[in-house]
Amino acid sequence: MLRTFQFRLYPSATQQAAFERILEDCCETYNAALQERRDAWNMQRKVVTRFDQQRELTELHKDPEFQWISTVVQRHVLLRVDEAFQAFFRRCKAGERPGYPRFKSRHHYDSFTFSLPTVKEKSVKVPKVGYVKMRGGRSVAGTAKVCHVRRQGRRWIASVVCDVGPAPPKCEVSSPIGIDVGLMNFATLSDGSFVENPRWVRRFEAKIASANRELARKQRRSRNRLRAKEKLRRVHQRLADARRNFCHHVSKRLIGRYDLIAFEDLNIKGMVEDGKFSKSILDAAWRQLTWQLSYKAESAGRWAVPVNPRNTSKMCSQCGVLVEKTLRDRRHVCACGASLDRDHNAAINIERLGMSLVGLSPSELA
């Protein structure tokens, strides 16, 4: 079972300059590897693999001019290029819009990766740079496999991926719950309770608009513009942090109370591309919640079950008859006499589907 531990790095001035130089070199390596693959195919119809480029990289590092940067870091750059091409071929076969891999700008290449990091209590060893001070929440557990170093404005963030051993066995289900996510309420539970939608964009939109206006007034390529750009980035970062922190609170509470959590496996990308309520859907961060529920349930030995969302809002939770509704119909009323909130009805159906997927029925649970 893999877990990621995130820390903030506090590099010295020399180490920060080394980080910037590594990012510039990684960007150049990425673009050169992409150029080589493209030219080899266009001119000779030859396929260049990641292993071919790794052998070339080994030959280059025999020159002392290239030995200031670690080979491990540059090999992960070649892995990124290979993954970009694999995703391109996959989209071509699936009939989707392929999107050929593009060259990277040094202003947008913000991270590098290396394997088997040496992590101490308050520092991590970066190849060819040395030990860098760090500070964060939880201490690293298990065996460190990979470390990602990312530039976030003026900050540097390290994400250490660790193997923490096998997942604990699943517990016996005694308290299941179904969750129906929405825009009126962030989440409605099958027991009738609900979590209010905080609507984070509305809370921060005045600050975002003010920072955008301030940035627009600054002269290009000036220091004041860089400061205004950093201010705008920090407002967006606080918005993202608030949204993620809220999802952490909700998911922790659900994992602590229930043994089985069923939620809809929604096609959020398709819903956003549809254009209706796109901004509100992205602001609600449903995928963030379901992802947190999944990995926290795995660590706690509980069940997090995605179910097919088809007809969960239409089906009556008492008799099973489909009742047609529009988005304006906020109450479920059936001929059998059932009358309850639309989202509550859907949450009950989601709970039953989740129980059936793990081989349980309401009678067996009772």
Protein backbone atom coordinates (compact mmCIF):
# COMPACT_ATOMS: atom_id res chain seq x y z
CA MET A 1 0.00 0.00 0.00
CA LEU A 2 1.49 3.33 -1.12
CA ARG A 3 1.02 6.59 0.78
CA THR A 4 2.29 10.10 0.00
CA PHE A 5 3.68 12.36 2.72
CA GLN A 6 3.96 16.05 1.87
CA PHE A 7 6.38 18.55 3.38
CA ARG A 8 7.49 22.10 2.80
CA LEU A 9 11.18 22.50 2.01
CA TYR A 10 13.38 25.31 3.35
CA PRO A 11 16.41 25.36 1.02
CA SER A 12 19.32 27.73 1.53
CA ALA A 13 20.09 30.34 -1.14
CA THR A 14 22.65 28.00 -2.74
CA GLN A 15 20.27 25.05 -2.70
CA GLN A 16 17.45 27.15 -4.15
CA ALA A 17 19.70 28.22 -7.01
CA ALA A 18 20.56 24.55 -7.56
CA PHE A 19 16.83 23.68 -7.67
CA GLU A 20 16.22 26.36 -10.30
CA ARG A 21 19.12 25.10 -12.39
CA ILE A 22 17.84 21.50 -12.15
CA LEU A 23 14.39 22.60 -13.36
CA GLU A 24 15.90 24.46 -16.32
CA ASP A 25 17.98 21.42 -17.29
CA CYS A 26 14.99 19.06 -16.89
CA CYS A 27 12.93 21.32 -19.16
CA GLU A 28 15.69 21.29 -21.81
CA THR A 29 16.01 17.50 -21.52
CA TYR A 30 12.24 17.06 -21.92
CA ASN A 31 12.14 19.23 -25.05
CA ALA A 32 15.24 17.56 -26.53
CA ALA A 33 13.81 14.06 -25.97
CA LEU A 34 10.51 15.11 -27.54
CA GLN A 35 12.33 16.68 -30.52
CA GLU A 36 14.40 13.53 -31.05
CA ARG A 37 11.34 11.28 -31.09
CA ARG A 38 9.46 13.58 -33.45
CA ASP A 39 12.36 13.99 -35.91
CA ALA A 40 13.17 10.26 -35.91
CA TRP A 41 9.61 9.45 -36.94
CA ASN A 42 9.13 12.28 -39.44
CA MET A 43 12.46 11.75 -41.25
CA GLN A 44 13.14 8.01 -40.91
CA ARG A 45 9.87 6.50 -39.64
CA LYS A 46 11.90 5.21 -36.72
CA VAL A 47 10.52 4.72 -33.20
CA VAL A 48 12.81 5.93 -30.40
CA THR A 49 12.05 4.29 -27.05
CA ARG A 50 12.72 5.49 -23.53
CA PHE A 51 15.49 2.90 -23.15
CA ASP A 52 17.25 4.16 -26.28
CA GLN A 53 17.26 7.66 -24.82
CA GLN A 54 18.45 6.40 -21.44
CA ARG A 55 21.46 4.77 -23.12
CA GLU A 56 22.25 8.07 -24.84
CA LEU A 57 21.93 9.83 -21.49
CA THR A 58 24.45 7.42 -19.93
CA GLU A 59 26.94 8.23 -22.69
CA LEU A 60 26.42 11.97 -22.18
CA HIS A 61 27.15 11.70 -18.46
CA LYS A 62 30.65 10.43 -19.20
CA ASP A 63 31.43 14.05 -20.05
CA PRO A 64 32.27 16.05 -16.88
CA GLU A 65 30.16 18.93 -18.22
CA PHE A 66 26.95 16.94 -17.55
CA GLN A 67 27.92 15.39 -14.22
CA TRP A 68 26.63 18.26 -12.07
CA ILE A 69 23.08 16.83 -12.31
CA SER A 70 22.01 13.34 -11.24
CA THR A 71 21.23 10.74 -13.90
CA VAL A 72 18.28 9.56 -11.77
CA VAL A 73 16.57 12.95 -12.09
CA GLN A 74 17.00 13.06 -15.88
CA ARG A 75 15.75 9.49 -16.31
CA HIS A 76 12.48 10.50 -14.69
CA VAL A 77 12.24 13.29 -17.28
CA LEU A 78 12.51 10.67 -20.04
CA LEU A 79 9.82 8.68 -18.24
CA ARG A 80 7.51 11.73 -18.41
CA VAL A 81 8.09 12.00 -22.17
CA ASP A 82 7.33 8.30 -22.60
CA GLU A 83 4.13 8.58 -20.53
CA ALA A 84 3.03 11.56 -22.65
CA PHE A 85 3.41 9.48 -25.83
CA GLN A 86 1.69 6.46 -24.29
CA ALA A 87 -1.28 8.66 -23.37
CA PHE A 88 -1.27 10.08 -26.93
CA PHE A 89 -1.42 6.57 -28.47
CA ARG A 90 -4.13 5.52 -26.03
CA ARG A 91 -6.32 8.48 -26.99
CA CYS A 92 -5.75 7.74 -30.69
CA LYS A 93 -6.92 4.13 -30.27
CA ALA A 94 -9.94 5.20 -28.21
CA GLY A 95 -11.05 7.66 -30.89
CA GLU A 96 -10.63 10.66 -28.58
CA ARG A 97 -8.99 13.96 -29.41
CA PRO A 98 -5.34 12.83 -29.36
CA GLY A 99 -3.39 15.98 -28.44
CA TYR A 100 0.22 15.42 -29.57
CA PRO A 101 2.79 16.00 -26.78
CA ARG A 102 3.97 19.61 -26.72
CA PHE A 103 7.17 21.34 -25.77
CA LYS A 104 7.41 22.78 -22.26
CA SER A 105 8.19 26.35 -21.26
CA ARG A 106 10.73 26.85 -18.48
CA HIS A 107 8.15 29.05 -16.73
CA HIS A 108 5.72 26.11 -16.48
CA TYR A 109 8.12 23.22 -15.80
CA ASP A 110 7.89 23.25 -12.00
CA SER A 111 8.87 19.83 -10.67
CA PHE A 112 11.49 17.11 -10.79
CA THR A 113 11.55 13.54 -9.43
CA PHE A 114 14.13 11.10 -8.10
CA SER A 115 13.94 7.55 -6.74
CA LEU A 116 14.86 6.02 -3.37
CA PRO A 117 15.20 9.25 -1.38
CA THR A 118 17.01 9.36 1.95
CA VAL A 119 14.58 10.93 4.43
CA LYS A 120 15.47 11.93 7.96
CA GLU A 121 13.21 13.45 10.60
CA LYS A 122 13.63 17.05 9.41
CA SER A 123 15.48 16.80 6.09
CA VAL A 124 15.54 14.99 2.77
CA LYS A 125 18.59 14.31 0.61
CA VAL A 126 18.36 15.62 -2.97
CA PRO A 127 20.93 14.11 -5.38
CA LYS A 128 23.87 16.45 -6.13
CA VAL A 129 22.36 19.07 -3.76
CA GLY A 130 22.57 17.51 -0.31
CA TYR A 131 20.25 17.47 2.69
CA VAL A 132 17.48 20.09 2.54
CA LYS A 133 15.54 21.13 5.63
CA MET A 134 11.83 20.36 5.64
CA ARG A 135 8.83 20.74 7.87
CA GLY A 136 5.40 19.16 7.67
CA GLY A 137 2.67 17.25 9.47
CA ARG A 138 2.99 13.48 9.75
CA SER A 139 6.37 11.79 9.93
CA VAL A 140 7.35 9.46 7.10
CA ALA A 141 6.34 5.81 7.60
CA GLY A 142 7.39 2.75 5.65
CA THR A 143 9.98 2.62 2.87
CA ALA A 144 10.50 5.76 0.78
CA LYS A 145 10.27 4.93 -2.92
CA VAL A 146 10.00 8.22 -4.85
CA CYS A 147 10.28 11.92 -4.04
CA HIS A 148 8.71 14.73 -6.10
CA VAL A 149 10.06 18.27 -5.56
CA ARG A 150 7.70 20.97 -6.80
CA ARG A 151 8.06 24.73 -7.05
CA GLN A 152 4.90 26.45 -5.82
CA GLY A 153 5.38 30.16 -6.33
CA ARG A 154 8.18 31.04 -3.92
CA ARG A 155 7.75 27.82 -1.97
CA TRP A 156 9.24 24.38 -2.52
CA ILE A 157 7.12 21.30 -1.70
CA ALA A 158 8.39 17.72 -1.38
CA SER A 159 6.02 14.75 -1.79
CA VAL A 160 7.53 11.46 -0.60
CA VAL A 161 5.80 8.28 -1.81
CA CYS A 162 6.26 5.43 0.67
CA ASP A 163 5.36 1.74 0.80
CA VAL A 164 3.67 1.32 4.18
CA GLY A 165 2.97 -2.40 3.85
CA PRO A 166 -0.20 -4.38 3.09
CA ALA A 167 -3.64 -2.89 3.70
CA PRO A 168 -5.52 -4.13 6.78
CA PRO A 169 -8.33 -6.64 6.20
CA LYS A 170 -11.84 -5.32 5.63
CA CYS A 171 -14.02 -5.18 8.72
CA GLU A 172 -17.52 -6.61 9.05
CA VAL A 173 -20.20 -4.16 7.91
CA SER A 174 -22.50 -2.96 10.65
CA SER A 175 -23.15 0.71 9.79
CA PRO A 176 -23.45 1.41 6.04
CA ILE A 177 -24.21 4.80 4.53
CA GLY A 178 -24.99 6.14 1.07
CA ILE A 179 -23.86 9.56 -0.16
CA ASP A 180 -25.50 11.62 -2.88
CA VAL A 181 -23.34 14.62 -3.83
CA GLY A 182 -24.97 17.72 -5.25
CA LEU A 183 -24.87 21.49 -5.65
CA MET A 184 -27.73 22.51 -3.34
CA ASN A 185 -26.07 20.49 -0.56
CA PHE A 186 -22.50 19.28 -0.80
CA ALA A 187 -23.58 15.78 0.28
CA THR A 188 -26.84 14.18 1.39
CA LEU A 189 -26.62 11.00 3.46
CA SER A 190 -29.05 8.09 3.43
CA ASP A 191 -29.88 8.69 7.11
CA GLY A 192 -31.43 12.04 6.15
CA SER A 193 -28.60 14.32 7.29
CA PHE A 194 -26.71 16.54 4.88
CA VAL A 195 -23.51 18.59 4.55
CA GLU A 196 -23.92 22.17 3.39
CA ASN A 197 -22.12 23.33 0.27
CA PRO A 198 -19.59 25.99 1.35
CA ARG A 199 -19.29 27.45 -2.20
CA TRP A 200 -15.66 28.43 -1.86
CA VAL A 201 -15.43 30.38 -5.11
CA ARG A 202 -18.08 32.82 -3.92
CA ARG A 203 -16.12 33.40 -0.72
CA PHE A 204 -12.89 34.16 -2.58
CA GLU A 205 -14.15 35.77 -5.81
CA ALA A 206 -13.80 39.34 -4.48
CA LYS A 207 -10.15 38.73 -3.51
CA ILE A 208 -9.46 37.01 -6.85
CA ALA A 209 -11.01 39.90 -8.80
CA SER A 210 -9.02 42.46 -6.80
CA ALA A 211 -5.74 40.58 -7.37
CA ASN A 212 -6.51 40.26 -11.11
CA ARG A 213 -7.15 44.00 -11.43
CA GLU A 214 -3.93 44.75 -9.59
CA LEU A 215 -1.99 42.44 -11.91
CA ALA A 216 -3.53 43.99 -15.03
CA ARG A 217 -2.27 47.47 -14.03
CA LYS A 218 1.37 46.40 -13.66
CA GLN A 219 3.94 46.93 -16.39
CA ARG A 220 5.07 43.77 -18.12
CA ARG A 221 8.46 42.30 -17.18
CA SER A 222 8.62 44.47 -14.05
CA ARG A 223 9.25 43.40 -10.46
CA ASN A 224 5.91 44.83 -9.39
CA ARG A 225 4.19 42.55 -11.90
CA LEU A 226 6.00 39.53 -10.45
CA ARG A 227 4.84 40.51 -6.96
CA ALA A 228 1.24 40.97 -8.16
CA LYS A 229 1.40 37.62 -9.97
CA GLU A 230 2.57 35.91 -6.79
CA LYS A 231 -0.24 37.58 -4.84
CA LEU A 232 -2.83 36.24 -7.29
CA ARG A 233 -1.28 32.77 -7.11
CA ARG A 234 -1.46 32.79 -3.32
CA VAL A 235 -5.17 33.73 -3.37
CA HIS A 236 -5.88 30.78 -5.68
CA GLN A 237 -3.72 28.55 -3.47
CA ARG A 238 -5.67 29.54 -0.34
CA LEU A 239 -8.90 28.75 -2.19
CA ALA A 240 -7.62 25.29 -3.16
CA ASP A 241 -6.30 24.65 0.36
CA ALA A 242 -9.64 25.62 1.94
CA ARG A 243 -11.53 23.31 -0.43
CA ARG A 244 -9.19 20.38 0.21
CA ASN A 245 -9.22 20.93 3.97
CA PHE A 246 -13.03 20.92 3.99
CA CYS A 247 -13.09 17.60 2.11
CA HIS A 248 -10.60 16.17 4.63
CA HIS A 249 -12.90 17.08 7.52
CA VAL A 250 -15.95 15.52 5.83
CA SER A 251 -14.15 12.33 4.77
CA LYS A 252 -12.54 11.83 8.19
CA ARG A 253 -15.91 12.13 9.92
CA LEU A 254 -17.53 9.64 7.53
CA ILE A 255 -14.71 7.10 7.82
CA GLY A 256 -14.83 7.32 11.62
CA ARG A 257 -18.60 6.69 11.80
CA TYR A 258 -19.42 4.16 9.05
CA ASP A 259 -18.08 0.79 7.94
CA LEU A 260 -19.35 0.95 4.35
CA ILE A 261 -19.60 4.18 2.35
CA ALA A 262 -21.29 4.04 -1.05
CA PHE A 263 -21.04 6.94 -3.48
CA GLU A 264 -21.84 7.61 -7.13
CA ASP A 265 -19.17 6.92 -9.75
CA LEU A 266 -19.88 10.13 -11.66
CA ASN A 267 -18.44 11.14 -15.03
CA ILE A 268 -17.42 14.55 -13.76
CA LYS A 269 -15.34 15.36 -16.85
CA GLY A 270 -18.38 14.83 -19.09
CA MET A 271 -20.58 16.89 -16.77
CA VAL A 272 -18.11 19.78 -16.89
CA GLU A 273 -17.74 19.61 -20.68
CA ASP A 274 -21.51 19.80 -20.98
CA GLY A 275 -21.18 23.46 -19.95
CA LYS A 276 -24.11 23.64 -17.54
CA PHE A 277 -23.12 24.35 -13.93
CA SER A 278 -19.45 23.67 -14.83
CA LYS A 279 -18.06 26.29 -12.43
CA SER A 280 -20.23 25.05 -9.55
CA ILE A 281 -19.36 21.39 -10.21
CA LEU A 282 -15.62 22.11 -10.17
CA ASP A 283 -16.01 24.23 -7.04
CA ALA A 284 -17.85 21.42 -5.23
CA ALA A 285 -14.80 19.11 -5.62
CA TRP A 286 -16.73 15.83 -5.65
CA ARG A 287 -13.72 13.93 -7.01
CA GLN A 288 -11.57 15.24 -4.16
CA LEU A 289 -14.05 13.85 -1.63
CA THR A 290 -14.42 10.41 -3.25
CA TRP A 291 -10.65 10.07 -3.67
CA GLN A 292 -10.07 10.86 0.00
CA LEU A 293 -12.79 8.44 1.04
CA SER A 294 -11.20 5.67 -1.05
CA TYR A 295 -7.67 5.86 0.33
CA LYS A 296 -8.75 6.54 3.92
CA ALA A 297 -11.13 3.58 3.84
CA GLU A 298 -8.33 1.36 2.54
CA SER A 299 -6.05 2.41 5.39
CA ALA A 300 -8.79 1.92 8.01
CA GLY A 301 -9.99 -1.45 6.71
CA ARG A 302 -13.41 -0.10 5.73
CA TRP A 303 -15.42 -0.23 2.52
CA ALA A 304 -15.65 2.65 0.02
CA VAL A 305 -17.80 1.46 -2.88
CA PRO A 306 -18.46 3.44 -6.10
CA VAL A 307 -21.84 2.57 -7.67
CA ASN A 308 -23.46 3.20 -11.04
CA PRO A 309 -25.40 6.50 -10.75
CA ARG A 310 -27.96 5.51 -13.39
CA ASN A 311 -31.56 6.11 -12.19
CA THR A 312 -30.56 6.59 -8.55
CA SER A 313 -32.56 9.85 -8.45
CA LYS A 314 -35.55 8.47 -10.37
CA MET A 315 -36.01 5.13 -8.62
CA CYS A 316 -38.34 5.09 -5.63
CA SER A 317 -36.49 3.90 -2.53
CA GLN A 318 -39.63 2.11 -1.25
CA CYS A 319 -41.20 0.39 -4.25
CA GLY A 320 -38.52 0.61 -6.96
CA VAL A 321 -40.70 2.36 -9.56
CA LEU A 322 -38.99 4.96 -11.77
CA VAL A 323 -40.47 8.43 -11.27
CA GLU A 324 -39.48 10.94 -13.95
CA LYS A 325 -38.12 14.26 -12.65
CA THR A 326 -36.53 17.44 -13.91
CA LEU A 327 -33.74 19.35 -12.16
CA ARG A 328 -36.35 21.70 -10.70
CA ASP A 329 -38.18 18.86 -8.97
CA ARG A 330 -36.51 18.78 -5.57
CA ARG A 331 -38.92 16.33 -3.95
CA HIS A 332 -39.58 12.68 -4.72
CA VAL A 333 -43.27 11.81 -4.70
CA CYS A 334 -44.37 8.31 -5.70
CA ALA A 335 -47.76 6.64 -6.14
CA CYS A 336 -46.86 4.19 -3.36
CA GLY A 337 -47.06 7.05 -0.87
CA ALA A 338 -43.36 7.81 -0.56
CA SER A 339 -42.63 11.51 -0.20
CA LEU A 340 -39.13 12.67 0.70
CA ASP A 341 -36.32 14.88 -0.51
CA ARG A 342 -34.97 13.98 -3.94
CA ASP A 343 -31.34 13.68 -2.77
CA HIS A 344 -32.31 11.68 0.32
CA ASN A 345 -34.17 9.21 -1.91
CA ALA A 346 -31.09 8.89 -4.15
CA ALA A 347 -28.78 8.36 -1.15
CA ILE A 348 -30.94 5.45 0.05
CA ASN A 349 -30.73 3.83 -3.38
CA ILE A 350 -26.97 4.37 -3.46
CA GLU A 351 -26.59 2.69 -0.05
CA ARG A 352 -28.52 -0.39 -1.23
CA LEU A 353 -26.47 -0.62 -4.42
CA GLY A 354 -23.25 -0.39 -2.42
CA MET A 355 -24.38 -3.15 -0.06
CA SER A 356 -25.32 -5.40 -2.97
CA LEU A 357 -21.86 -4.91 -4.53
CA VAL A 358 -20.18 -6.31 -1.41
CA GLY A 359 -22.68 -9.16 -1.14
CA LEU A 360 -24.95 -7.84 1.60
CA SER A 361 -28.67 -7.19 1.87
CA PRO A 362 -30.60 -5.06 4.40
CA SER A 363 -32.06 -8.22 5.97
CA GLU A 364 -28.61 -9.77 6.49
CA LEU A 365 -27.36 -6.55 8.06
CA ALA A 366 -30.25 -6.47 10.53
